């Protein structure tokens, strides 16, 4: 078999590892060399507006967050993926499951589309659906929950399209733009979700004659 030349080897080395992919997005493990990218996203107030209180964060802080994520993955309490545009393999965001309880078969969901050009175009919805597929089909969880702000209408629409439904509110518990807003709680059950990808992968071998 003919080996790869140097340009092919470099291309293979630069290509990110992909674990799950669908029509528009692909998910792969977070990487240390992506910390500068996470650092930039963490200082974009347009992103932080829908996550938490906007404030500047240092590179060292983001590196510490990355290292904490790695340690929590080792403990099997969290799973983190980088979200890529499938066609170009450009990293556009992150998605995660946190507070994973394998005993109770539940977890908390989070997503961040850091690249502005990819917001509002269905990438977040598709990444959310892939993560639910991983949670239910890959990990065998039963309940995945999240919370968002009442004013984050785009996120609520994307979550509902992916399979989440609203289950309750904490009234006027978020202050934004001179007004109090509700915190909206949503969840999805494995019995309410149809696997789009991993049901074709996570299958037993067939018996051979």
Protein backbone atom coordinates (compact mmCIF):
# COMPACT_ATOMS: atom_id res chain seq x y z
CA UNK A 1 0.00 0.00 0.00
CA UNK A 2 1.33 3.39 -0.99
CA UNK A 3 2.01 5.67 1.99
CA UNK A 4 0.92 9.29 2.34
CA UNK A 5 3.20 12.06 1.15
CA UNK A 6 4.18 14.92 3.47
CA UNK A 7 1.30 17.20 2.37
CA UNK A 8 -1.23 14.40 2.94
CA UNK A 9 0.26 13.65 6.36
CA UNK A 10 0.04 17.34 7.32
CA UNK A 11 -3.57 17.50 6.11
CA UNK A 12 -4.46 14.38 8.11
CA UNK A 13 -2.76 15.81 11.22
CA UNK A 14 -4.63 19.11 10.91
CA UNK A 15 -8.03 17.51 10.29
CA UNK A 16 -9.99 17.42 13.58
CA UNK A 17 -11.29 14.18 15.05
CA UNK A 18 -15.02 13.87 14.38
CA UNK A 19 -17.24 11.67 16.56
CA UNK A 20 -20.74 12.43 15.26
CA UNK A 21 -21.92 14.26 12.16
CA UNK A 22 -25.13 15.13 10.39
CA UNK A 23 -26.08 17.30 7.42
CA UNK A 24 -24.69 20.66 8.58
CA UNK A 25 -22.60 20.09 11.71
CA UNK A 26 -20.06 17.69 13.14
CA UNK A 27 -19.02 17.17 16.76
CA UNK A 28 -15.52 16.30 17.94
CA UNK A 29 -13.53 16.41 21.19
CA UNK A 30 -12.43 19.77 22.56
CA UNK A 31 -8.71 20.45 22.07
CA UNK A 32 -6.10 22.44 23.95
CA UNK A 33 -5.07 24.27 20.78
CA UNK A 34 -8.63 25.61 20.57
CA UNK A 35 -8.36 27.46 23.89
CA UNK A 36 -7.49 30.77 22.11
CA UNK A 37 -10.71 30.34 20.13
CA UNK A 38 -12.74 29.63 23.30
CA UNK A 39 -11.03 32.67 24.85
CA UNK A 40 -12.25 34.89 22.01
CA UNK A 41 -15.82 33.56 22.27
CA UNK A 42 -15.79 34.05 26.04
CA UNK A 43 -15.11 37.76 25.52
CA UNK A 44 -17.85 38.33 22.93
CA UNK A 45 -20.62 40.16 24.77
CA UNK A 46 -23.08 39.21 22.01
CA UNK A 47 -22.52 35.60 23.06
CA UNK A 48 -22.51 36.31 26.79
CA UNK A 49 -25.79 38.24 26.57
CA UNK A 50 -27.64 34.91 26.40
CA UNK A 51 -25.37 32.97 28.78
CA UNK A 52 -24.46 34.96 31.89
CA UNK A 53 -23.31 38.39 33.04
CA UNK A 54 -21.01 39.88 30.37
CA UNK A 55 -17.52 40.50 31.71
CA UNK A 56 -13.97 40.23 30.38
CA UNK A 57 -12.13 36.99 31.08
CA UNK A 58 -8.42 36.28 30.80
CA UNK A 59 -6.69 33.65 28.70
CA UNK A 60 -5.47 32.00 31.92
CA UNK A 61 -9.05 31.76 33.19
CA UNK A 62 -10.20 30.11 29.98
CA UNK A 63 -7.26 27.70 30.05
CA UNK A 64 -8.23 26.77 33.62
CA UNK A 65 -11.83 26.20 32.48
CA UNK A 66 -10.56 23.92 29.71
CA UNK A 67 -8.44 21.92 32.14
CA UNK A 68 -11.41 21.64 34.50
CA UNK A 69 -13.58 20.36 31.65
CA UNK A 70 -10.97 17.70 30.88
CA UNK A 71 -10.86 16.58 34.52
CA UNK A 72 -14.66 16.41 34.71
CA UNK A 73 -14.72 14.31 31.55
CA UNK A 74 -12.33 11.88 33.23
CA UNK A 75 -14.78 11.65 36.15
CA UNK A 76 -17.60 10.91 33.66
CA UNK A 77 -19.65 13.83 35.02
CA UNK A 78 -19.38 15.98 31.88
CA UNK A 79 -18.95 15.59 28.12
CA UNK A 80 -17.73 18.42 25.88
CA UNK A 81 -17.66 18.66 22.10
CA UNK A 82 -16.45 21.28 19.68
CA UNK A 83 -19.10 22.08 17.07
CA UNK A 84 -17.83 22.27 13.47
CA UNK A 85 -19.48 23.29 10.25
CA UNK A 86 -19.41 19.94 8.52
CA UNK A 87 -18.60 21.23 5.02
CA UNK A 88 -15.47 23.16 6.05
CA UNK A 89 -14.61 21.72 9.49
CA UNK A 90 -14.41 25.28 10.79
CA UNK A 91 -15.03 25.29 14.58
CA UNK A 92 -18.10 27.40 15.27
CA UNK A 93 -19.06 26.64 18.86
CA UNK A 94 -19.24 24.24 21.76
CA UNK A 95 -21.85 21.91 23.21
CA UNK A 96 -21.83 19.93 26.44
CA UNK A 97 -23.60 17.72 28.92
CA UNK A 98 -22.95 18.55 32.59
CA UNK A 99 -24.01 17.17 35.97
CA UNK A 100 -24.33 13.72 34.40
CA UNK A 101 -25.92 11.20 36.76
CA UNK A 102 -25.60 7.70 35.36
CA UNK A 103 -27.60 6.37 38.29
CA UNK A 104 -30.57 8.67 37.65
CA UNK A 105 -29.87 8.80 33.88
CA UNK A 106 -30.07 12.57 33.62
CA UNK A 107 -27.85 15.51 32.57
CA UNK A 108 -27.88 19.25 31.94
CA UNK A 109 -27.40 20.60 28.41
CA UNK A 110 -25.44 23.65 27.27
CA UNK A 111 -24.51 25.14 23.90
CA UNK A 112 -22.57 28.13 22.61
CA UNK A 113 -22.37 29.13 18.95
CA UNK A 114 -19.37 31.42 19.18
CA UNK A 115 -19.07 32.44 15.53
CA UNK A 116 -21.63 35.13 14.74
CA UNK A 117 -22.01 34.15 11.07
CA UNK A 118 -23.39 30.75 12.09
CA UNK A 119 -26.13 31.95 14.43
CA UNK A 120 -29.74 31.82 13.31
CA UNK A 121 -29.02 29.40 10.47
CA UNK A 122 -29.95 26.07 12.03
CA UNK A 123 -26.47 25.02 13.15
CA UNK A 124 -27.39 25.30 16.83
CA UNK A 125 -30.58 23.29 16.36
CA UNK A 126 -28.74 20.52 14.58
CA UNK A 127 -25.93 20.44 17.16
CA UNK A 128 -28.55 20.25 19.92
CA UNK A 129 -30.27 17.33 18.22
CA UNK A 130 -26.95 15.50 17.84
CA UNK A 131 -26.19 16.03 21.51
CA UNK A 132 -29.59 14.65 22.53
CA UNK A 133 -28.88 11.67 20.28
CA UNK A 134 -25.55 11.15 22.05
CA UNK A 135 -27.14 11.52 25.49
CA UNK A 136 -29.97 9.08 24.85
CA UNK A 137 -28.48 6.61 22.36
CA UNK A 138 -24.81 6.81 23.29
CA UNK A 139 -24.97 7.24 27.07
CA UNK A 140 -28.36 5.69 27.76
CA UNK A 141 -29.67 8.73 29.64
CA UNK A 142 -33.39 9.36 30.00
CA UNK A 143 -33.81 13.05 30.90
CA UNK A 144 -31.79 16.00 29.58
CA UNK A 145 -32.66 19.43 30.95
CA UNK A 146 -31.64 23.04 30.42
CA UNK A 147 -32.58 26.57 31.36
CA UNK A 148 -32.56 29.77 29.38
CA UNK A 149 -33.83 33.33 29.68
CA UNK A 150 -37.32 34.40 28.67
CA UNK A 151 -35.88 37.01 26.29
CA UNK A 152 -33.73 34.44 24.47
CA UNK A 153 -36.42 33.65 21.91
CA UNK A 154 -34.07 32.24 19.27
CA UNK A 155 -32.68 29.67 21.70
CA UNK A 156 -36.14 28.59 22.85
CA UNK A 157 -37.26 28.08 19.25
CA UNK A 158 -34.12 26.06 18.46
CA UNK A 159 -34.48 23.90 21.57
CA UNK A 160 -38.14 23.15 20.81
CA UNK A 161 -37.28 22.26 17.23
CA UNK A 162 -34.57 19.89 18.47
CA UNK A 163 -36.94 18.11 20.88
CA UNK A 164 -37.06 20.05 24.15
CA UNK A 165 -40.30 21.30 25.71
CA UNK A 166 -40.93 23.91 28.38
CA UNK A 167 -41.61 22.41 31.82
CA UNK A 168 -41.67 25.45 34.10
CA UNK A 169 -40.49 28.95 34.92
CA UNK A 170 -38.83 30.83 37.73
CA UNK A 171 -40.59 34.16 37.56
CA UNK A 172 -38.73 37.46 37.16
CA UNK A 173 -35.40 35.99 38.24
CA UNK A 174 -33.21 37.45 35.48
CA UNK A 175 -32.50 41.19 35.02
CA UNK A 176 -31.73 42.40 31.50
CA UNK A 177 -32.25 45.68 29.64
CA UNK A 178 -33.89 47.39 32.60
CA UNK A 179 -36.50 44.66 33.03
CA UNK A 180 -37.00 41.43 34.97
CA UNK A 181 -37.48 38.26 32.95
CA UNK A 182 -38.42 34.66 33.75
CA UNK A 183 -35.94 31.81 33.73
CA UNK A 184 -37.40 29.17 31.39
CA UNK A 185 -36.78 25.49 32.21
CA UNK A 186 -36.98 22.87 29.45
CA UNK A 187 -36.28 19.16 29.15
CA UNK A 188 -36.46 16.22 26.78
CA UNK A 189 -37.05 12.53 27.53
CA UNK A 190 -35.56 9.61 25.66
CA UNK A 191 -39.09 8.30 25.02
CA UNK A 192 -39.93 11.55 23.20
CA UNK A 193 -36.89 11.55 20.93
CA UNK A 194 -36.15 9.74 17.66
CA UNK A 195 -32.44 9.15 17.06
CA UNK A 196 -31.31 10.78 13.79
CA UNK A 197 -27.78 9.32 13.60
CA UNK A 198 -26.53 7.02 16.36
CA UNK A 199 -29.36 4.50 16.07
CA UNK A 200 -27.59 3.43 12.88
CA UNK A 201 -24.21 3.23 14.65
CA UNK A 202 -24.93 1.87 18.12
CA UNK A 203 -26.20 -1.52 16.97
CA UNK A 204 -25.00 -5.05 17.76
CA UNK A 205 -23.14 -7.14 15.20
CA UNK A 206 -25.22 -9.47 13.10
CA UNK A 207 -24.58 -13.20 13.35
CA UNK A 208 -22.50 -14.58 10.49
CA UNK A 209 -23.14 -17.94 8.96
